[in-house]
Amino acid sequence: MMCGRFGFFELRYFLDQLRQLELPFEEEEHYRFMPGYNIAPDSTITVLLGDEGVNVLANAHWGLVPHWAETIPKIRPVNARSESLGTKPYFRHMLDRRHCLIPASGFYEWSAARDASPKSSAMRDANVNKQPWYIHRADKRPMALAGLWDRWQPKDERESPLISCTIITTQANAEMQSIHERMPVILEQESWQEWLKANGKAATYLLRPAADGIIESYRVSRKINNPRYIRKDCIEPFNDH
């Protein structure tokens, strides 16, 4: 798994971007913003759902539960590979109709060393033996990661439906390759509306690596290996000298 941890603590700046783009959205009635510096799978996160022509700011469970599941499955994907979205039954029904933006201030990834080969054995070690990196936009703006979402209804219809999502990944760009061979799809502002509205094959051309120069990275403390460690210093640069 890659992109298994991220941070988002800049809601105001993300909403400012939406307004500057004149991208209309509604806020879900029970939406609540919960800033996080070390967001792990199965967390409740902020998403902008494209829902039949209406964009909705809402909370979602990070880890996808498809609408056709009889019960909540043990495996709930937090990532989906862009190359196989159209062929895997788990995702292909959402590719045609349920796209979302997942705002992030940055995301974390682990490597054995800054110059490690993505295919080296060290890259496959447990995260505890790796060096964590924080990756963010070079222009300091919040990211908008491409995602898919679904709505699962418990058998007891008196219970509220569960909104869940997954982050789409693609091949790494030049800056990312020394850390990991893949990266989340980072959509540029001019593509936000198109991704929220697009369907099927018309949308897949957007699912490409970020252009070179879009992201920057730096080492952070191994404290973030513990998903319960959520303090602000998660994103502080780490210097072992």
C-alpha atoms as a PDB file:
ATOM      1  CA  MET A   1       0.000   0.000   0.000  1.00  0.00           C
ATOM      2  CA  MET A   2       1.143   3.537  -0.664  1.00  0.00           C
ATOM      3  CA  CYS A   3      -0.401   6.812   0.434  1.00  0.00           C
ATOM      4  CA  GLY A   4      -1.524   5.140   3.624  1.00  0.00           C
ATOM      5  CA  ARG A   5      -1.152   8.265   5.722  1.00  0.00           C
ATOM      6  CA  PHE A   6      -1.778  11.966   5.072  1.00  0.00           C
ATOM      7  CA  GLY A   7      -2.548  15.254   6.781  1.00  0.00           C
ATOM      8  CA  PHE A   8      -5.194  17.906   6.253  1.00  0.00           C
ATOM      9  CA  PHE A   9      -5.454  21.005   8.405  1.00  0.00           C
ATOM     10  CA  GLU A  10      -6.175  23.794   5.886  1.00  0.00           C
ATOM     11  CA  LEU A  11      -9.917  23.693   5.256  1.00  0.00           C
ATOM     12  CA  ARG A  12     -10.258  27.471   4.989  1.00  0.00           C
ATOM     13  CA  TYR A  13      -7.646  27.648   2.231  1.00  0.00           C
ATOM     14  CA  PHE A  14      -9.240  24.744   0.351  1.00  0.00           C
ATOM     15  CA  LEU A  15     -12.664  26.413   0.486  1.00  0.00           C
ATOM     16  CA  ASP A  16     -11.096  29.689  -0.682  1.00  0.00           C
ATOM     17  CA  GLN A  17      -9.769  27.823  -3.721  1.00  0.00           C
ATOM     18  CA  LEU A  18     -13.233  26.441  -4.490  1.00  0.00           C
ATOM     19  CA  ARG A  19     -14.738  29.932  -4.324  1.00  0.00           C
ATOM     20  CA  GLN A  20     -11.994  31.435  -6.495  1.00  0.00           C
ATOM     21  CA  LEU A  21     -12.726  28.763  -9.083  1.00  0.00           C
ATOM     22  CA  GLU A  22     -16.459  29.488  -8.766  1.00  0.00           C
ATOM     23  CA  LEU A  23     -16.900  25.775  -8.176  1.00  0.00           C
ATOM     24  CA  PRO A  24     -20.288  25.441  -6.476  1.00  0.00           C
ATOM     25  CA  PHE A  25     -20.733  23.127  -3.512  1.00  0.00           C
ATOM     26  CA  GLU A  26     -23.130  22.384  -0.697  1.00  0.00           C
ATOM     27  CA  GLU A  27     -22.206  21.411   2.846  1.00  0.00           C
ATOM     28  CA  GLU A  28     -23.720  18.157   4.086  1.00  0.00           C
ATOM     29  CA  GLU A  29     -26.008  18.792   7.056  1.00  0.00           C
ATOM     30  CA  HIS A  30     -23.902  16.896   9.604  1.00  0.00           C
ATOM     31  CA  TYR A  31     -20.477  17.713   8.150  1.00  0.00           C
ATOM     32  CA  ARG A  32     -17.777  18.344  10.727  1.00  0.00           C
ATOM     33  CA  PHE A  33     -14.186  19.337  10.001  1.00  0.00           C
ATOM     34  CA  MET A  34     -11.608  17.384  11.950  1.00  0.00           C
ATOM     35  CA  PRO A  35      -8.058  18.613  11.223  1.00  0.00           C
ATOM     36  CA  GLY A  36      -5.394  15.917  11.288  1.00  0.00           C
ATOM     37  CA  TYR A  37      -1.621  15.791  11.009  1.00  0.00           C
ATOM     38  CA  ASN A  38      -1.334  11.995  10.787  1.00  0.00           C
ATOM     39  CA  ILE A  39      -4.544  10.624   9.274  1.00  0.00           C
ATOM     40  CA  ALA A  40      -4.604   6.830   9.058  1.00  0.00           C
ATOM     41  CA  PRO A  41      -6.866   4.362   7.217  1.00  0.00           C
ATOM     42  CA  ASP A  42     -10.360   3.903   8.658  1.00  0.00           C
ATOM     43  CA  SER A  43     -10.431   7.556   9.763  1.00  0.00           C
ATOM     44  CA  THR A  44     -13.295   9.949   9.058  1.00  0.00           C
ATOM     45  CA  ILE A  45     -12.019  12.532   6.588  1.00  0.00           C
ATOM     46  CA  THR A  46     -13.173  15.566   4.590  1.00  0.00           C
ATOM     47  CA  VAL A  47     -14.215  14.940   0.974  1.00  0.00           C
ATOM     48  CA  LEU A  48     -15.874  16.872  -1.829  1.00  0.00           C
ATOM     49  CA  LEU A  49     -18.295  14.448  -3.452  1.00  0.00           C
ATOM     50  CA  GLY A  50     -19.446  14.721  -7.039  1.00  0.00           C
ATOM     51  CA  ASP A  51     -23.021  13.469  -6.656  1.00  0.00           C
ATOM     52  CA  GLU A  52     -25.203  13.592  -9.775  1.00  0.00           C
ATOM     53  CA  GLY A  53     -24.205  17.114 -10.704  1.00  0.00           C
ATOM     54  CA  VAL A  54     -24.105  18.444  -7.138  1.00  0.00           C
ATOM     55  CA  ASN A  55     -20.821  18.885  -5.268  1.00  0.00           C
ATOM     56  CA  VAL A  56     -21.154  18.102  -1.554  1.00  0.00           C
ATOM     57  CA  LEU A  57     -18.639  18.827   1.199  1.00  0.00           C
ATOM     58  CA  ALA A  58     -19.008  15.884   3.551  1.00  0.00           C
ATOM     59  CA  ASN A  59     -17.340  13.417   5.885  1.00  0.00           C
ATOM     60  CA  ALA A  60     -16.394   9.978   4.589  1.00  0.00           C
ATOM     61  CA  HIS A  61     -14.807   6.826   5.913  1.00  0.00           C
ATOM     62  CA  TRP A  62     -11.330   6.381   4.398  1.00  0.00           C
ATOM     63  CA  GLY A  63     -11.477   2.767   3.243  1.00  0.00           C
ATOM     64  CA  LEU A  64     -13.981   1.849   0.554  1.00  0.00           C
ATOM     65  CA  VAL A  65     -17.155  -0.112   1.275  1.00  0.00           C
ATOM     66  CA  PRO A  66     -19.022  -0.790  -2.012  1.00  0.00           C
ATOM     67  CA  HIS A  67     -22.778  -0.359  -2.057  1.00  0.00           C
ATOM     68  CA  TRP A  68     -23.323  -3.994  -3.086  1.00  0.00           C
ATOM     69  CA  ALA A  69     -21.567  -5.492  -0.033  1.00  0.00           C
ATOM     70  CA  GLU A  70     -23.929  -7.431   2.241  1.00  0.00           C
ATOM     71  CA  THR A  71     -21.838  -6.520   5.286  1.00  0.00           C
ATOM     72  CA  ILE A  72     -18.878  -4.224   5.856  1.00  0.00           C
ATOM     73  CA  PRO A  73     -15.914  -6.192   4.461  1.00  0.00           C
ATOM     74  CA  LYS A  74     -12.742  -6.818   6.449  1.00  0.00           C
ATOM     75  CA  ILE A  75     -10.634  -5.382   3.616  1.00  0.00           C
ATOM     76  CA  ARG A  76     -11.580  -1.791   2.802  1.00  0.00           C
ATOM     77  CA  PRO A  77      -9.205  -0.368   0.160  1.00  0.00           C
ATOM     78  CA  VAL A  78      -7.741   3.049   0.924  1.00  0.00           C
ATOM     79  CA  ASN A  79      -6.004   3.136  -2.476  1.00  0.00           C
ATOM     80  CA  ALA A  80      -7.086   2.188  -6.000  1.00  0.00           C
ATOM     81  CA  ARG A  81      -4.650   1.807  -8.905  1.00  0.00           C
ATOM     82  CA  SER A  82      -5.599   4.075 -11.803  1.00  0.00           C
ATOM     83  CA  GLU A  83      -4.543   1.483 -14.380  1.00  0.00           C
ATOM     84  CA  SER A  84      -7.151  -1.082 -13.298  1.00  0.00           C
ATOM     85  CA  LEU A  85     -10.168   1.035 -12.298  1.00  0.00           C
ATOM     86  CA  GLY A  86     -12.083   0.098 -15.430  1.00  0.00           C
ATOM     87  CA  THR A  87     -11.566  -3.645 -15.039  1.00  0.00           C
ATOM     88  CA  LYS A  88     -11.781  -4.388 -11.317  1.00  0.00           C
ATOM     89  CA  PRO A  89     -15.402  -4.998 -10.237  1.00  0.00           C
ATOM     90  CA  TYR A  90     -14.657  -3.400  -6.875  1.00  0.00           C
ATOM     91  CA  PHE A  91     -14.120   0.004  -8.519  1.00  0.00           C
ATOM     92  CA  ARG A  92     -15.465   0.113 -12.061  1.00  0.00           C
ATOM     93  CA  HIS A  93     -19.073   0.976 -11.111  1.00  0.00           C
ATOM     94  CA  MET A  94     -17.791   4.118  -9.365  1.00  0.00           C
ATOM     95  CA  LEU A  95     -15.612   5.178 -12.277  1.00  0.00           C
ATOM     96  CA  ASP A  96     -18.766   5.966 -14.226  1.00  0.00           C
ATOM     97  CA  ARG A  97     -20.540   8.050 -11.622  1.00  0.00           C
ATOM     98  CA  ARG A  98     -18.939   8.623  -8.210  1.00  0.00           C
ATOM     99  CA  HIS A  99     -15.851  10.790  -8.206  1.00  0.00           C
ATOM    100  CA  CYS A 100     -14.561  12.914  -5.354  1.00  0.00           C
ATOM    101  CA  LEU A 101     -11.773  15.258  -4.323  1.00  0.00           C
ATOM    102  CA  ILE A 102      -9.905  14.404  -1.143  1.00  0.00           C
ATOM    103  CA  PRO A 103      -8.176  17.555   0.143  1.00  0.00           C
ATOM    104  CA  ALA A 104      -4.782  17.066   1.765  1.00  0.00           C
ATOM    105  CA  SER A 105      -2.121  19.403   3.095  1.00  0.00           C
ATOM    106  CA  GLY A 106       0.413  16.686   2.283  1.00  0.00           C
ATOM    107  CA  PHE A 107       0.951  12.944   2.487  1.00  0.00           C
ATOM    108  CA  TYR A 108       3.555  10.614   3.970  1.00  0.00           C
ATOM    109  CA  GLU A 109       5.615   7.901   2.380  1.00  0.00           C
ATOM    110  CA  TRP A 110       8.484   5.739   3.600  1.00  0.00           C
ATOM    111  CA  SER A 111      11.858   4.854   2.061  1.00  0.00           C
ATOM    112  CA  ALA A 112      15.080   3.227   3.217  1.00  0.00           C
ATOM    113  CA  ALA A 113      17.125   6.205   2.062  1.00  0.00           C
ATOM    114  CA  ARG A 114      16.717   9.281  -0.133  1.00  0.00           C
ATOM    115  CA  ASP A 115      18.602   7.620  -2.984  1.00  0.00           C
ATOM    116  CA  ALA A 116      17.082   4.148  -2.551  1.00  0.00           C
ATOM    117  CA  SER A 117      15.890   2.293  -5.618  1.00  0.00           C
ATOM    118  CA  PRO A 118      12.086   1.835  -5.537  1.00  0.00           C
ATOM    119  CA  LYS A 119      12.597  -1.884  -6.187  1.00  0.00           C
ATOM    120  CA  SER A 120      15.290  -2.474  -3.561  1.00  0.00           C
ATOM    121  CA  SER A 121      14.679  -4.991  -0.776  1.00  0.00           C
ATOM    122  CA  ALA A 122      14.985  -2.179   1.764  1.00  0.00           C
ATOM    123  CA  MET A 123      11.933  -0.524   0.268  1.00  0.00           C
ATOM    124  CA  ARG A 124       9.898  -3.618   1.136  1.00  0.00           C
ATOM    125  CA  ASP A 125      10.835  -3.639   4.829  1.00  0.00           C
ATOM    126  CA  ALA A 126       8.290  -2.744   7.488  1.00  0.00           C
ATOM    127  CA  ASN A 127       7.725   0.988   7.922  1.00  0.00           C
ATOM    128  CA  VAL A 128       9.391   0.880  11.327  1.00  0.00           C
ATOM    129  CA  ASN A 129      12.748   0.371   9.576  1.00  0.00           C
ATOM    130  CA  LYS A 130      12.180   3.022   6.943  1.00  0.00           C
ATOM    131  CA  GLN A 131      12.582   6.780   6.798  1.00  0.00           C
ATOM    132  CA  PRO A 132       9.269   8.670   6.598  1.00  0.00           C
ATOM    133  CA  TRP A 133       8.949  11.612   4.248  1.00  0.00           C
ATOM    134  CA  TYR A 134       6.358  14.369   4.097  1.00  0.00           C
ATOM    135  CA  ILE A 135       5.348  15.305   0.549  1.00  0.00           C
ATOM    136  CA  HIS A 136       3.512  18.568  -0.146  1.00  0.00           C
ATOM    137  CA  ARG A 137       2.879  20.998  -2.971  1.00  0.00           C
ATOM    138  CA  ALA A 138       5.818  23.230  -3.793  1.00  0.00           C
ATOM    139  CA  ASP A 139       3.464  26.240  -3.973  1.00  0.00           C
ATOM    140  CA  LYS A 140       2.235  25.492  -0.385  1.00  0.00           C
ATOM    141  CA  ARG A 141      -1.416  25.176  -1.452  1.00  0.00           C
ATOM    142  CA  PRO A 142      -3.565  22.266  -0.294  1.00  0.00           C
ATOM    143  CA  MET A 143      -3.636  19.279  -2.615  1.00  0.00           C
ATOM    144  CA  ALA A 144      -6.766  17.826  -4.162  1.00  0.00           C
ATOM    145  CA  LEU A 145      -6.334  14.074  -4.530  1.00  0.00           C
ATOM    146  CA  ALA A 146      -8.516  12.174  -7.008  1.00  0.00           C
ATOM    147  CA  GLY A 147     -10.798   9.676  -5.328  1.00  0.00           C
ATOM    148  CA  LEU A 148     -13.799   7.420  -5.765  1.00  0.00           C
ATOM    149  CA  TRP A 149     -16.645   7.093  -3.287  1.00  0.00           C
ATOM    150  CA  ASP A 150     -19.699   4.978  -2.614  1.00  0.00           C
ATOM    151  CA  ARG A 151     -22.725   4.875  -0.337  1.00  0.00           C
ATOM    152  CA  TRP A 152     -23.409   1.658   1.612  1.00  0.00           C
ATOM    153  CA  GLN A 153     -26.774   1.140   3.302  1.00  0.00           C
ATOM    154  CA  PRO A 154     -26.992  -1.240   6.300  1.00  0.00           C
ATOM    155  CA  LYS A 155     -29.728  -3.878   6.139  1.00  0.00           C
ATOM    156  CA  ASP A 156     -31.538  -2.007   8.876  1.00  0.00           C
ATOM    157  CA  GLU A 157     -32.713   0.978   6.861  1.00  0.00           C
ATOM    158  CA  ARG A 158     -33.229   2.931  10.069  1.00  0.00           C
ATOM    159  CA  GLU A 159     -29.447   3.197  10.244  1.00  0.00           C
ATOM    160  CA  SER A 160     -27.673   5.959   8.349  1.00  0.00           C
ATOM    161  CA  PRO A 161     -25.803   5.044   5.162  1.00  0.00           C
ATOM    162  CA  LEU A 162     -22.013   4.902   5.245  1.00  0.00           C
ATOM    163  CA  ILE A 163     -20.154   7.180   2.852  1.00  0.00           C
ATOM    164  CA  SER A 164     -16.683   5.820   2.123  1.00  0.00           C
ATOM    165  CA  CYS A 165     -13.863   6.615  -0.279  1.00  0.00           C
ATOM    166  CA  THR A 166     -10.511   5.564  -1.704  1.00  0.00           C
ATOM    167  CA  ILE A 167      -7.544   7.552  -3.060  1.00  0.00           C
ATOM    168  CA  ILE A 168      -6.488   6.828  -6.657  1.00  0.00           C
ATOM    169  CA  THR A 169      -2.775   6.210  -7.240  1.00  0.00           C
ATOM    170  CA  THR A 170      -0.606   6.357 -10.339  1.00  0.00           C
ATOM    171  CA  GLN A 171       3.054   5.987 -11.274  1.00  0.00           C
ATOM    172  CA  ALA A 172       5.522   8.240  -9.463  1.00  0.00           C
ATOM    173  CA  ASN A 173       6.842  11.403 -11.081  1.00  0.00           C
ATOM    174  CA  ALA A 174      10.552  12.328 -11.068  1.00  0.00           C
ATOM    175  CA  GLU A 175      10.540  13.843  -7.553  1.00  0.00           C
ATOM    176  CA  MET A 176       8.707  10.873  -6.065  1.00  0.00           C
ATOM    177  CA  GLN A 177      10.616   8.012  -7.684  1.00  0.00           C
ATOM    178  CA  SER A 178      13.450   7.975  -5.138  1.00  0.00           C
ATOM    179  CA  ILE A 179      10.898   7.473  -2.332  1.00  0.00           C
ATOM    180  CA  HIS A 180       8.265   5.208  -3.887  1.00  0.00           C
ATOM    181  CA  GLU A 181       7.292   3.895  -7.313  1.00  0.00           C
ATOM    182  CA  ARG A 182       3.732   5.233  -7.017  1.00  0.00           C
ATOM    183  CA  MET A 183       1.988   8.392  -5.851  1.00  0.00           C
ATOM    184  CA  PRO A 184      -1.577   9.642  -5.360  1.00  0.00           C
ATOM    185  CA  VAL A 185      -3.173  11.436  -8.291  1.00  0.00           C
ATOM    186  CA  ILE A 186      -2.845  15.157  -7.542  1.00  0.00           C
ATOM    187  CA  LEU A 187      -5.345  17.124  -9.610  1.00  0.00           C
ATOM    188  CA  GLU A 188      -4.563  20.670 -10.661  1.00  0.00           C
ATOM    189  CA  GLN A 189      -7.252  23.297 -10.028  1.00  0.00           C
ATOM    190  CA  GLU A 190      -8.325  23.479 -13.646  1.00  0.00           C
ATOM    191  CA  SER A 191      -9.216  19.761 -13.494  1.00  0.00           C
ATOM    192  CA  TRP A 192     -11.243  19.745 -10.269  1.00  0.00           C
ATOM    193  CA  GLN A 193     -14.625  20.412 -11.827  1.00  0.00           C
ATOM    194  CA  GLU A 194     -13.917  18.095 -14.746  1.00  0.00           C
ATOM    195  CA  TRP A 195     -13.037  15.207 -12.431  1.00  0.00           C
ATOM    196  CA  LEU A 196     -16.136  15.741 -10.299  1.00  0.00           C
ATOM    197  CA  LYS A 197     -18.372  15.715 -13.389  1.00  0.00           C
ATOM    198  CA  ALA A 198     -16.577  13.254 -15.678  1.00  0.00           C
ATOM    199  CA  ASN A 199     -17.465   9.602 -16.084  1.00  0.00           C
ATOM    200  CA  GLY A 200     -15.904   6.434 -17.383  1.00  0.00           C
ATOM    201  CA  LYS A 201     -13.107   6.649 -19.930  1.00  0.00           C
ATOM    202  CA  ALA A 202     -13.649  10.390 -20.336  1.00  0.00           C
ATOM    203  CA  ALA A 203     -12.052  10.880 -16.918  1.00  0.00           C
ATOM    204  CA  THR A 204      -9.123   8.484 -16.987  1.00  0.00           C
ATOM    205  CA  TYR A 205      -6.746  10.810 -18.856  1.00  0.00           C
ATOM    206  CA  LEU A 206      -6.698  12.997 -15.717  1.00  0.00           C
ATOM    207  CA  LEU A 207      -5.242  10.146 -13.665  1.00  0.00           C
ATOM    208  CA  ARG A 208      -1.592  10.805 -14.420  1.00  0.00           C
ATOM    209  CA  PRO A 209       1.520  11.614 -12.368  1.00  0.00           C
ATOM    210  CA  ALA A 210       1.927  15.179 -11.149  1.00  0.00           C
ATOM    211  CA  ALA A 211       4.057  17.337 -13.405  1.00  0.00           C
ATOM    212  CA  ASP A 212       7.678  17.694 -12.352  1.00  0.00           C
ATOM    213  CA  GLY A 213       8.150  20.570  -9.920  1.00  0.00           C
ATOM    214  CA  ILE A 214       4.640  20.293  -8.412  1.00  0.00           C
ATOM    215  CA  ILE A 215       5.732  18.550  -5.198  1.00  0.00           C
ATOM    216  CA  GLU A 216       8.525  18.831  -2.639  1.00  0.00           C
ATOM    217  CA  SER A 217       9.508  16.438   0.149  1.00  0.00           C
ATOM    218  CA  TYR A 218      11.533  16.343   3.347  1.00  0.00           C
ATOM    219  CA  ARG A 219      12.252  13.834   6.074  1.00  0.00           C
ATOM    220  CA  VAL A 220      10.119  13.749   9.208  1.00  0.00           C
ATOM    221  CA  SER A 221      10.379  11.920  12.522  1.00  0.00           C
ATOM    222  CA  ARG A 222       9.613   8.207  12.844  1.00  0.00           C
ATOM    223  CA  LYS A 223       7.085   9.228  15.490  1.00  0.00           C
ATOM    224  CA  ILE A 224       4.500   9.240  12.711  1.00  0.00           C
ATOM    225  CA  ASN A 225       4.890   5.465  12.339  1.00  0.00           C
ATOM    226  CA  ASN A 226       2.476   5.321  15.252  1.00  0.00           C
ATOM    227  CA  PRO A 227      -0.967   6.278  13.864  1.00  0.00           C
ATOM    228  CA  ARG A 228      -1.977   7.409  17.346  1.00  0.00           C
ATOM    229  CA  TYR A 229       0.700  10.115  17.261  1.00  0.00           C
ATOM    230  CA  ILE A 230      -1.217  13.109  15.897  1.00  0.00           C
ATOM    231  CA  ARG A 231       0.610  16.201  17.149  1.00  0.00           C
ATOM    232  CA  LYS A 232       1.451  19.164  14.952  1.00  0.00           C
ATOM    233  CA  ASP A 233       5.158  18.288  14.973  1.00  0.00           C
ATOM    234  CA  CYS A 234       4.369  15.325  12.678  1.00  0.00           C
ATOM    235  CA  ILE A 235       5.163  17.597   9.741  1.00  0.00           C
ATOM    236  CA  GLU A 236       8.286  19.231  11.174  1.00  0.00           C
ATOM    237  CA  PRO A 237      11.508  18.497   9.251  1.00  0.00           C
ATOM    238  CA  PHE A 238      13.686  15.863  10.893  1.00  0.00           C
ATOM    239  CA  ASN A 239      17.437  16.353  11.244  1.00  0.00           C
ATOM    240  CA  ASP A 240      19.504  13.575  12.817  1.00  0.00           C
ATOM    241  CA  HIS A 241      22.721  15.557  12.849  1.00  0.00           C
END
